[in-house]
Structures are given as structure tokens and as C-alpha cells.
Amino acid sequence: MIRIATRAFALLGMPPDPASQQVVLQVLSESRQRPNSSNENELIRRILVDYLDVPAASLPILATALEHLLIVKTGGEPETIGLAAASDLQGLIDRLAKDRPERGDPARAASFVRFVLDTYGVKGLTAFAQGFEPGRTVAEVCRATLNKSVAMLELQWAESLSREQSAKGVWPFMRWTAAQLRPFRLFCTLLAIGIFIQTVYAMLMPLWLNQLFDEGITPQNAEVIWRTLAYLIGGFLVTAMAGLAIDFSVSALGPKALNSVRQRGFDKLLALSSRSLSRFQSGDIVSIFTNDIFVVENAVVRAIPGIVSKGFLMLGSLITAMALDWRMALATISLLVIAFWAPRIVGRYAIKASYARKIEDGKIVGFIKETVQLLPVIRTLDIERHRRATFDDRSQTIYDASYRQYLLGELTGRVTVFAISAAQLGIIGLGAVLSLNGTVSGGVVVAYIGLLLAIGGAAGGIAAFLPVVIQAIGSWQRIESLLEHPADVPATVNGAPLDKPLSRLALRDVSFSYTGERLNLNEVSFETAVPRRIALVGPSGSGKSTIINLLSRNYDAINGSIMLNDTDIREVDNQKLRSLMAVVSQDTTLFEESIAYNIRIGRLDATDAEVEQAARAAEIHDFIAGLPNDYDTNVGEGGKLLSGGQRQRIVIARAFLRNPQILLLDEATSALDAEAEAAINETLTRISADRMLFSVTHRLSSCRDMDWICVFKDGKMVETGTHDQLLERGGVYAGMWEKQSEIAIGNAGREVAISIEGLRKIPLFAGVSEQELHRIHGLLRVEEVPADTVLTEEGATTGRFYIIARGSVDSNVARRDGTSVEMEILDVGDFFGEFALLEGIPHPTTCRTRLPCLLLSLSRHDLSQVADLGRSSLEQSSLEKEIAATLDRRLDAKLEKLLGRAA
């Protein structure tokens, strides 16, 4: 009890209190008056009340959680629960308060309290517990104490759970395998008959040997000898046929069962929401469907039938042993129990090592997949050696994991064989002693040696199969991590048909969060007639694309509702809802099929004429017709045989084929060059004239012709209106427009320029004279850069100063643990890399293009034609001093921000 009290204080972040011993003694002295209660639970309740002032309303969940963490899960280890269990916090608290817990509620309570402690600390947990004032709901407590809605808190709780499962043993895997084989009764029956025949033969053969020796060979009885030999030969032939039946059945059972698992896994993959998919690495999913299922199939075909048949053989041999001599049989059973118990510790470590190896397999598959996808970028950046070094590190990691897996797996089998061999020697010695004493006959000893050989052979076979099974258990756990994941794709069962023509669309107090840490949308509301063209604009990360995700039901709002006419979008029949909409995003990845297929999947029952009509509307028909196989041309993996603009037009043709009432564009042209962007924008303007259009864009020049503009910032809709109205207000939109309007892109992106006034608005050049500003303007160079290109690297002292004319750039800083934290996202009109203009000053962040970019750049050498910042302050001109001072101030500001974000 004192130890529990000490651990409770440690878990709650409090120093041990000597007076707690008195609490323990008091609890123990009162235990006689509470015969049906737990002393440990009562002790934990006393600590919570006396030291944290926990009220009665929150005491049940905290006491249950701490009891589970401190006693059931010794040492306060995090509890593994399913993602679906991280929900219904109100129901959990109500059940525990009424002392009517359901199965798994203590583990759920422990997991929740552990999450609150890890995320909000003891102060947060104490505030949450003390917030349960009379009449307050859990939702009100969460909002008042943790500044989170209960939905966000549950989401954050779920996101904190590890997807990795605790290690499972051989028997759960065997039970799972039996459940997969059960539907195939014919083959299972054939397998059982074969194993039964082999087992019966193994049981009878020692008895026949005993008869052959004692009743045939010793008295020289030929009739017994020939009859017994006939039994042995006949049994051998029947057993051989049974072996063929076993081979035939397992060869069919394994592929059938695992094909069923593969189909269920794919169905589950389709049933996962975008949120759930983000919890899986793509390499893990690929590895599950390829390597993991193959490993389990190999175990089902080869190892498990062998273990089962060998196990029955041993059981049958032990029954025969009892018939021969009960004393030797008891000795055999005792020694075999010890022999199979001995390797269990090694086996437990072997299973953990196998699972760890599978995790590393998934990581290296993902790394290789990423390398293949980004190979052009790797070559452009000349980082082949860096990637090779990273691969070598990961190869070493997987080598270490493989070495441990195979070593422990083989040791498990080796220890088993050694223990069985030792048991055999002991039993043979016992038989020899009993024979010398005249207790058993020589025939019994001979028969028993045959039995021991059979038992030893069976045990050796099991030991040989154990490494295969152990390897399969690691793969099975990863398969189960997918199969057991709750199917949570937003769905509507028997939804409303929405028969009326769509006339209104509204968002009412819509809030949403991806991870629960912050609101990506915060109580957004607006209503519009249909059709109407609406632009969604704002800084990166402000919530624009989230609106598209909610409208298309990739996600559902955690609060509020989206209404079509008078019907919540979550109540609309899914098939009807999806027929209303088409989405065109910046991701132009295509299926590795023909062009016709990639268009037709917009509406699978479309005719060839309708596919061609959609291609004409997207202005891609002439290009397709010029190909050798026209619409039957295969686009290659992901559509890599086509240009970005061509892929985008095929996606637009697919959307047009659906003839949607609502067209959702999410940065539909951001991944294209300026020439393709201009052409596709013209096409989109034409085809969206009579449809409801939502367009997420960074390029405000496309907003002038929109019917309405919604401006977002930090998850809130801060402004709405037409282009002219928003400019008159002088708010966020006007500031963005002013920044972008100073940059002109002409001649399909081949001409890019920033105005003199726009250049002056950059703090670096604010005090530069008109003449010198014109000279700097003339030194700017135009650069077109693909996505995912590193432009400045943290710690490097080389590079250029950049102004973004088109595209978007990420600015990140590295942490000590190797991860990175995003400092900011830079858009059109922003600038970066200014420290490259100073000699020897390292860049504080790494800047990488998120999208294809058009940039205006300036090098230190270029600037030296106007201002030499490398000279001493005494030698510098007033212009040089002003630029240097501005750079110093910006460096101080960036370092202060960097320290705050990286902490």
C-alpha cells in the first residue's frame, strides 16, 4: 500500500508526503467496515481528495484510472486501447459515477487520464477534475478548464494513441488462424481427417512394435510377425495417402484464407476516413498487402498445419505411453511440460523482435517509395550521397532488427529441441532402470524408445516451425492493426434523397479540427443562393481547403452543420450527394490506365461520345486525338507520361463528365506553369458559368470576376464581399491584393516584374533612393522553380534573396531530435533569404517550395554593384548602412521567433 501511495505521488508529479503513511494505516484500519471495497481504490481516493481537492463528481473516473495505471498496469504504463474507444467521454464518466462500468471502461479511463497528464500536465488534470461543479456537463468542463470542446478533446485523445499494438503470443495467432480457416469446411475436414489418420498410425505403431517384439520375435511366432508387418505396411500406405490429403488441403486453405484477409483489408482501406489514413504511413500499407500477408500465408500453408499435426502426434503418443506404462508416461508428461515451458521467455522476446522488424520493413518501403517519386528532385539538389547515407543508416537499422529477429527465433527452436532431447535421455534412463528391476518388459522399452523418437521428432518439427510462426505473428499484428481499425469514412445510411433542385447552401457555425490541438475552422457561417461563384482566399493554413474537405465530406464538422436547402449534408444520401459534386484539386495524379478510363471514372456509365464531349469541353480532345492510340493511350504510373497541364485537363474533363451542380476547385492550377494556368483558368471560367463554384486560390487576380469572396484568417472567416467592396474596406483582402498587385506576370509566365513601389514596400529597401531602387530593380532575375526544391538551407551562408511572384514556400527550422517545426508559409509578394546578402551570416531556416514557383532573385554579388555590405561600418555608404541595419533587425526578430517556436 505504501508503494502504491509513493507511485501515485510520482504519477501526479507531487513529492512523497511522510504523512501519507498515516493515510495508509487509516485505510487499512477502516477496511473491516468496507468488506466489499478495494483498499487500493480507497487509498487512491483519499490521496485525490486530500492532496488535489478532487470533487465527488470527478472522483470515480480519476480513482478508476489511477488504480488501473498503478495496479493493473504496474508503473503507470500507457494503456493500449482501440481508436474507437477514445470517444463518448460523457458516457464513460456517467457509467463510472453510477458504478456500472462496461468492459474496457477502466482501461479507457486510464488511457484518458494518461493522455491529459501527458498533454496538459498535473495542473491541467487538476483543473479538469475540479471543474466538475454541480450541474456542469462534461462539455462545459472541457471548455472552461482545458479550453477545448469535448469533441476536440476526444479527437486529440484519439490522435495521441499509438497505432502500434502490444505484443501478442502464439495462441492468439493460432485462434485467429482457425477463425480464418473455419469458412472453408470441406478443406478443413479433409485436413482434419488426414491429421487424424497420421495420429492414429503414430499411436498404433508402438503397440504393434511391442506386439512384434514380445509376441512375435521373442517366441518365434511367424503368424504374429507377418500380421504385424502387414499392419505396419498398410498403416504406412494409408498414412502416405493422408499426407497427400493434408498437402492438398493446406495448399488450398492458405491462399483462400489469406485472399479473404486481403479482400477484407482492401475493403477496410476504402472504409477509412482521410483522418484515419493519415495515421498510416503509405509504406506500411503497401508492406501489409505485400510482405505481411505473404509471410502469414506461408505460415498458414507450411508451419501451422505442421505444428497442429505434430501436436496431435505428441498427444497420441502420450496416450499410447499411458497404455504401455503409466510411470514412464507420467515422467514423460512432466519432462515435456518443463521442456516446452523453458523457451517461453526467449519466445516472448522473439515475438517482440519480429514485430519490430515489421515496423522497420514498413519504414524502408516508404523511404524507397519516396526516393522513386522524388528522384528528379534528388538529382536536381545533388543529394544522392545524402540519400545513400540515409539509406545506409536505415539498412543498418533493419539489419539489426533482422539479426535480433532471426537469432531469437532460432534460439526459441534450439532451446525447445535441447529441452526435448534432455527429456528423452531422462526417460530412456528411467526405462533402463525399470527394465533392470524387471518392472517392465524389453518389448515395452523398445516400444517406448519408438514413442520417444516419435515425440522427439514431433517436438523437433514444432521447434523448426516456431521461427516461421514467430515471424508471422509480427506480420499478423500489422495486418490486424489495419483490420481492427474502426471504419470511419463519413457515411449516411438510408439518408434523405434531397429531391428538390438545389437552391441554397449554408454553413452554420461550422468548427473543425484535424488533430484536436487547434481549430482549423472556428464557427464559420455564411449562406448563399445556388448557382453562384465564390472564391475562398486567405493566407496558407487559414482554413480554405478545409471548407472544400467538409463540402465533399472527406471530413465531417465537429460542430455546426452544412446545409443543402434545408437538409444537413450528413443526412443526405451519399450517392446523391456525390452525384451533385465534382472536385478538382492541385493533385493531378492519374490512374495507370487509359485516358478514356481516367475520364470515364467520373461517371462509369458514360458512353464514348460523352467522354469525348467532356474532353472537348476541357480542351484536351485535340491533344488526345493526336496520340497514336488516342483515348486508349496509357498515361503511365500516376500519369507521368503526360505534362502537368495535360493531366489537369483530364481531371477537369472527368469533373465535367459528372455534370455537377457544385464544382469544388482547390488550388486547381497551383501546380502548373503560368501558361497552363492561364489556359485552364479560362476553361474553368467557361464551364462554371451556370454552376455553384467554390474556388480556393492564392492568385487574387482570378477573384475579380467572382460573385462573392470569402476571406479566411486563422480559421475564421474575417471578411466577405465582392472584389471592389473588399478593396474599399482596406482589410485583410486589400492588404493581400496590394502585395500581389505590385507583381505582374505576363506573356504566359515568361515575363515577371515587380513595381518600384512594390520593391520599396520590402523593409530591406524602404529607405533606398529612387535612383538606386531602379538599379536594384534592374538586377532582379526571374527563376522558375519546381515544387519541393530547397532554396535556402538552415545554417548555410550561401544562396540568394527571393521575392515570390507565384507559388508558395515553407519555412522550417530543425529540432535537436531531427524533426522540424514549421515557422511560416510564404505566399505571393513575400520574400526570404535576405541573410544571403550578408557575408558569413547563416540562414536561420530552411525554405522549400511547396508548389511550382516563379521567383525574383538577387545575389550578394548582384547587390554589390549598388551596395557592398561586406565593408566595415566606417567604409559603408548611408545606403549600405541602412540595408545592413535592417538586416540586423530582421535577424534579431527571426531568431527570437525561432527560439519561441522551436522550444
Foldseek 3Di string as FASTA:
>chain_A
DVVLQCLLCVLLVHHDDPCLVVVLVVLVVCCVVVVPDDSSLVSSLCCCCVPLVFDLLLSQLVSLLSCCQCPVVNSRDQFADFLVLLDDPQVLSVCSSVVNDDPCSSNSSNLLLVLCCVPVNSQLVSQLRNQPDPPDGSQRSCCVRVVFGRLLSSLLSSLPHALFDDFDDLVVVLVVLCVLLVVVVVLVVLLVVLLVLVQVLLLCLLVLLLCCVPVPPVVPNVVSNVVSVVVNVVSVVVNVVSVVSNLVSLVVRLVVSLVVLLVLLVVLVVLAFPLVVVSDQPLLSVCLNPVLSVLLSVCSSPPPSLLVSLVSNLVSLLVSLCVLPVVLSVLLVVLLVVLLVVLVVLLSQLLVLLLVLSVLSSVLSSLVVVCVVCVVQCVVVVCPVVSVVVNVVSVVVSVVSVVSNVVSLLVSLVSSLVSLVVSLVVSLVVVVVCVVVVNHDPSSSVSVNSSSVSNSVSSNSNSVSRSSSSNSSSSVSSSCSSSVRDRDQQAADPFDACPDPFFKKWWAQFWADSRSPAILAGGEIDMDTPAFAEEEEEFPSQNQVVVVCCLLRSDDTSDTFIDGPNDGPSRHHNVNSLLQEAEAEQQLFFAQFFLLVRQCVLPVPDDPVLLLVLLVLLVLQVVLVPDPVRRRDGLHGRSVVDDSLNSLSSSSSSRVSSVHQEYEYHQNPQQDALLSSVSRLVSVCVSCVRHRYYHYDLDCVSQQPGQKYFYGGNNYGDDMDHPVVVCVVVDDSVVSCVLLVQWDADPSRPDIAGHLVLQCVPQLNVPPDPVLSVLVRVLWDKDWAFFFHWQAAFFDLAGWKKAFNGAKKWWWAAAPVGHIFTLGIDGHNDIDPLSNLEPPDGGHTIIGTHHTTIIIIDGNVSCVVRFNLHDDPVPGDPSSVSSVVSVVVVVVVVVVSVVVRRD
